[in-house]
Amino acid sequence: MRLRIIAAVAAITVLSSVALANETYRFDQSHSTIGFSVHQFLGTTHGKFTKFDGKIEIDREHPENSSVTARIVVRSIDTGIVKRDNHLRSPEFFAVEKYPDIMFKSRSVKQTGPQAGDIVGDLTMHGVTKPITLHVKLLTPPDSKQTRWSVTTDLLKRRDFNLMFAQAAESMSGISQTVAVNIEIEAVRAQ
C-alpha cells in the first residue's frame, strides 16, 4: 500500500512539472493587429480585421511541441471605406453569413533562430483549407505576463480560396491576385 502511495505521489509530481513547462497565452485584441495589403492599379489598399482571438501554447524546453490557434471574425474587416467593406462582406466575396470566420490551426513548429520560428498550419477561409507557413519573430521575450510577436506569411493567392469577383469585375478592378499579410500579436499569459 505504501509503495502505491509513493508511486502515485511521484506520478503527480511528474505530471505537475510537465504542466508547468507549458505556458498558455491568449491574444490581446486591443494591442494586436491582423492586417493585409493588396495592390490595385497604381496604389495599395491596406486593411485589417478588428475582431479576433487566439491562443499560443509554449513549451520552452521543446519548442516543437508548441502550438497556435486563431479565429478571425470576417465581418470585422476594415479598409477605411464602409462601402468597400460592405461589398467585401457580401455573397460576392467573403460571404460572411455563410463563412463567418477565418481559422488557423498549427500542425508543426520549428525554431529557425534564437528569436524566430516557422509555424506550419492549416488556414481555413471562405470554406477552403490550405496549408500555410507563418514566419514568426519574437519582439519581446516571454515573461510571466505577456509576449509580442511579428508574423508574416508568403503572399496569399485569392484564387486559392475562391475569393474572386465576377469575371468582368475582376478585369475592371485592377486588384492583384496576391495579398500580403502583416500581423503583430501581443499575447497575455493565461491565469
Protein backbone atom coordinates (compact mmCIF):
# COMPACT_ATOMS: atom_id res chain seq x y z
CA MET A 1 0.00 0.00 0.00
CA ARG A 2 2.79 2.41 0.96
CA LEU A 3 4.58 1.68 -2.34
CA ARG A 4 1.37 2.51 -4.24
CA ILE A 5 1.06 5.88 -2.44
CA ILE A 6 4.71 6.76 -3.21
CA ALA A 7 4.17 5.83 -6.88
CA ALA A 8 1.02 8.00 -7.03
CA VAL A 9 2.84 10.97 -5.47
CA ALA A 10 5.73 10.53 -7.93
CA ALA A 11 3.30 10.42 -10.88
CA ILE A 12 1.53 13.59 -9.70
CA THR A 13 4.91 15.34 -9.30
CA VAL A 14 5.97 14.39 -12.84
CA LEU A 15 2.63 15.49 -14.31
CA SER A 16 2.80 18.78 -12.40
CA SER A 17 6.27 19.56 -13.75
CA VAL A 18 5.09 18.82 -17.30
CA ALA A 19 2.10 21.11 -16.83
CA LEU A 20 4.36 23.88 -15.53
CA ALA A 21 6.64 23.59 -18.59
CA ASN A 22 3.74 24.58 -20.86
CA GLU A 23 2.56 28.17 -20.85
CA THR A 24 -0.68 29.42 -22.35
CA TYR A 25 -1.00 32.93 -23.79
CA ARG A 26 -4.19 34.47 -25.17
CA PHE A 27 -4.25 37.17 -27.86
CA ASP A 28 -4.77 40.69 -26.54
CA GLN A 29 -7.00 42.13 -29.27
CA SER A 30 -6.57 45.73 -28.10
CA HIS A 31 -2.77 45.59 -28.56
CA SER A 32 -2.60 43.36 -31.65
CA THR A 33 -3.11 43.89 -35.37
CA ILE A 34 -4.09 41.44 -38.11
CA GLY A 35 -3.57 43.40 -41.30
CA PHE A 36 -3.26 42.91 -45.03
CA SER A 37 -2.44 44.85 -48.17
CA VAL A 38 -3.32 44.34 -51.83
CA HIS A 39 -2.23 46.30 -54.91
CA GLN A 40 -4.89 47.90 -57.06
CA PHE A 41 -3.94 49.80 -60.20
CA LEU A 42 -1.17 52.18 -59.10
CA GLY A 43 -1.94 52.13 -55.38
CA THR A 44 -2.15 49.77 -52.46
CA THR A 45 -5.20 49.12 -50.30
CA HIS A 46 -4.49 48.41 -46.65
CA GLY A 47 -6.96 46.76 -44.33
CA LYS A 48 -7.31 44.89 -41.07
CA PHE A 49 -9.64 42.74 -39.05
CA THR A 50 -10.70 44.27 -35.75
CA LYS A 51 -12.18 41.19 -34.02
CA PHE A 52 -10.18 38.03 -33.46
CA ASP A 53 -8.93 35.72 -30.74
CA GLY A 54 -6.27 33.10 -30.39
CA LYS A 55 -4.16 31.01 -28.11
CA ILE A 56 -0.43 30.25 -28.03
CA GLU A 57 0.79 27.19 -26.14
CA ILE A 58 4.53 27.46 -25.47
CA ASP A 59 6.77 24.58 -24.44
CA ARG A 60 10.11 26.25 -23.70
CA GLU A 61 12.07 23.03 -23.36
CA HIS A 62 10.63 21.52 -26.54
CA PRO A 63 9.53 24.39 -28.85
CA GLU A 64 8.43 21.86 -31.48
CA ASN A 65 5.59 20.89 -29.09
CA SER A 66 4.25 24.45 -29.02
CA SER A 67 1.04 25.33 -30.88
CA VAL A 68 -1.10 28.22 -32.09
CA THR A 69 -4.80 28.52 -32.87
CA ALA A 70 -6.55 31.67 -34.09
CA ARG A 71 -10.01 32.80 -35.20
CA ILE A 72 -10.74 35.99 -37.14
CA VAL A 73 -14.28 37.39 -37.39
CA VAL A 74 -14.55 38.23 -41.10
CA ARG A 75 -17.38 40.74 -40.56
CA SER A 76 -14.83 42.93 -38.71
CA ILE A 77 -12.93 43.72 -41.93
CA ASP A 78 -11.93 47.39 -42.10
CA THR A 79 -10.32 49.00 -45.14
CA GLY A 80 -11.33 52.52 -44.18
CA ILE A 81 -14.17 52.72 -46.74
CA VAL A 82 -17.56 51.50 -45.49
CA LYS A 83 -18.98 50.85 -48.97
CA ARG A 84 -15.98 48.70 -49.90
CA ASP A 85 -16.12 46.82 -46.58
CA ASN A 86 -19.81 46.03 -47.08
CA HIS A 87 -19.05 44.76 -50.58
CA LEU A 88 -16.25 42.56 -49.25
CA ARG A 89 -18.68 41.11 -46.67
CA SER A 90 -21.29 40.37 -49.35
CA PRO A 91 -22.00 36.99 -51.00
CA GLU A 92 -19.94 38.18 -53.99
CA PHE A 93 -16.71 37.99 -51.97
CA PHE A 94 -16.26 36.81 -48.35
CA ALA A 95 -19.93 35.77 -47.89
CA VAL A 96 -19.79 36.37 -44.14
CA GLU A 97 -23.22 34.88 -43.49
CA LYS A 98 -22.01 31.53 -44.83
CA TYR A 99 -18.34 31.79 -43.80
CA PRO A 100 -18.20 34.00 -40.69
CA ASP A 101 -14.69 33.08 -39.53
CA ILE A 102 -11.15 32.63 -40.79
CA MET A 103 -9.41 29.89 -38.79
CA PHE A 104 -5.79 28.89 -38.28
CA LYS A 105 -4.57 25.76 -36.51
CA SER A 106 -0.89 24.88 -36.32
CA ARG A 107 0.44 21.45 -37.25
CA SER A 108 4.15 21.94 -36.54
CA VAL A 109 6.51 24.48 -35.00
CA LYS A 110 10.19 24.80 -35.92
CA GLN A 111 12.65 27.15 -34.26
CA THR A 112 14.74 28.81 -37.00
CA GLY A 113 16.79 31.16 -34.81
CA PRO A 114 17.14 32.38 -31.22
CA GLN A 115 14.09 34.66 -31.59
CA ALA A 116 12.43 33.22 -34.72
CA GLY A 117 10.48 30.26 -35.97
CA ASP A 118 8.18 28.85 -38.64
CA ILE A 119 4.71 27.64 -37.76
CA VAL A 120 3.11 25.39 -40.37
CA GLY A 121 -0.63 25.02 -40.15
CA ASP A 122 -4.00 24.97 -41.86
CA LEU A 123 -5.70 28.22 -42.84
CA THR A 124 -9.44 27.93 -43.46
CA MET A 125 -11.01 30.86 -45.28
CA HIS A 126 -14.18 31.06 -47.37
CA GLY A 127 -14.77 27.32 -46.89
CA VAL A 128 -11.33 26.34 -48.24
CA THR A 129 -8.48 24.93 -46.14
CA LYS A 130 -4.88 25.32 -47.33
CA PRO A 131 -1.53 24.80 -45.62
CA ILE A 132 0.45 27.97 -44.90
CA THR A 133 3.63 28.85 -43.03
CA LEU A 134 3.72 31.67 -40.52
CA HIS A 135 7.17 33.24 -40.19
CA VAL A 136 7.35 34.37 -36.59
CA LYS A 137 9.76 36.74 -34.89
CA LEU A 138 9.70 37.26 -31.15
CA LEU A 139 9.77 41.01 -30.45
CA THR A 140 9.90 40.78 -26.66
CA PRO A 141 10.97 37.76 -24.64
CA PRO A 142 8.07 35.98 -23.00
CA ASP A 143 7.86 36.89 -19.33
CA SER A 144 5.32 35.92 -16.76
CA LYS A 145 2.66 38.23 -18.17
CA GLN A 146 2.93 38.87 -21.93
CA THR A 147 4.76 38.24 -25.19
CA ARG A 148 4.82 40.09 -28.53
CA TRP A 149 5.25 38.53 -31.99
CA SER A 150 5.65 39.79 -35.55
CA VAL A 151 4.16 37.37 -38.07
CA THR A 152 4.36 37.30 -41.87
CA THR A 153 3.41 34.73 -44.48
CA ASP A 154 4.21 34.16 -48.11
CA LEU A 155 1.79 36.06 -50.33
CA LEU A 156 -1.70 34.52 -50.29
CA LYS A 157 -3.43 33.97 -53.61
CA ARG A 158 -7.09 34.99 -53.65
CA ARG A 159 -7.89 32.33 -56.25
CA ASP A 160 -6.69 29.57 -53.86
CA PHE A 161 -9.54 30.49 -51.50
CA ASN A 162 -12.17 31.19 -54.18
CA LEU A 163 -12.10 34.89 -53.30
CA MET A 164 -12.77 36.20 -56.77
CA PHE A 165 -15.22 38.77 -58.03
CA ALA A 166 -17.27 38.15 -61.16
CA GLN A 167 -15.04 37.95 -64.27
CA ALA A 168 -16.00 41.42 -65.55
CA ALA A 169 -15.41 42.99 -62.12
CA GLU A 170 -12.03 41.26 -61.82
CA SER A 171 -10.90 42.68 -65.16
CA MET A 172 -12.03 46.23 -64.39
CA SER A 173 -10.97 46.38 -60.73
CA GLY A 174 -7.22 46.05 -61.27
CA ILE A 175 -6.96 44.17 -57.97
CA SER A 176 -3.91 41.96 -57.61
CA GLN A 177 -4.34 38.22 -57.20
CA THR A 178 -1.91 38.23 -54.26
CA VAL A 179 -2.43 39.57 -50.77
CA ALA A 180 0.32 40.38 -48.25
CA VAL A 181 -0.41 39.59 -44.62
CA ASN A 182 1.16 41.50 -41.73
CA ILE A 183 0.38 40.53 -38.18
CA GLU A 184 1.58 41.75 -34.82
CA ILE A 185 0.30 39.83 -31.83
CA GLU A 186 0.58 40.71 -28.18
CA ALA A 187 -0.50 37.80 -26.02
CA VAL A 188 -1.13 37.76 -22.29
CA ARG A 189 -0.33 34.83 -20.03
CA ALA A 190 -3.50 32.96 -19.09
CA GLN A 191 -4.21 32.52 -15.39
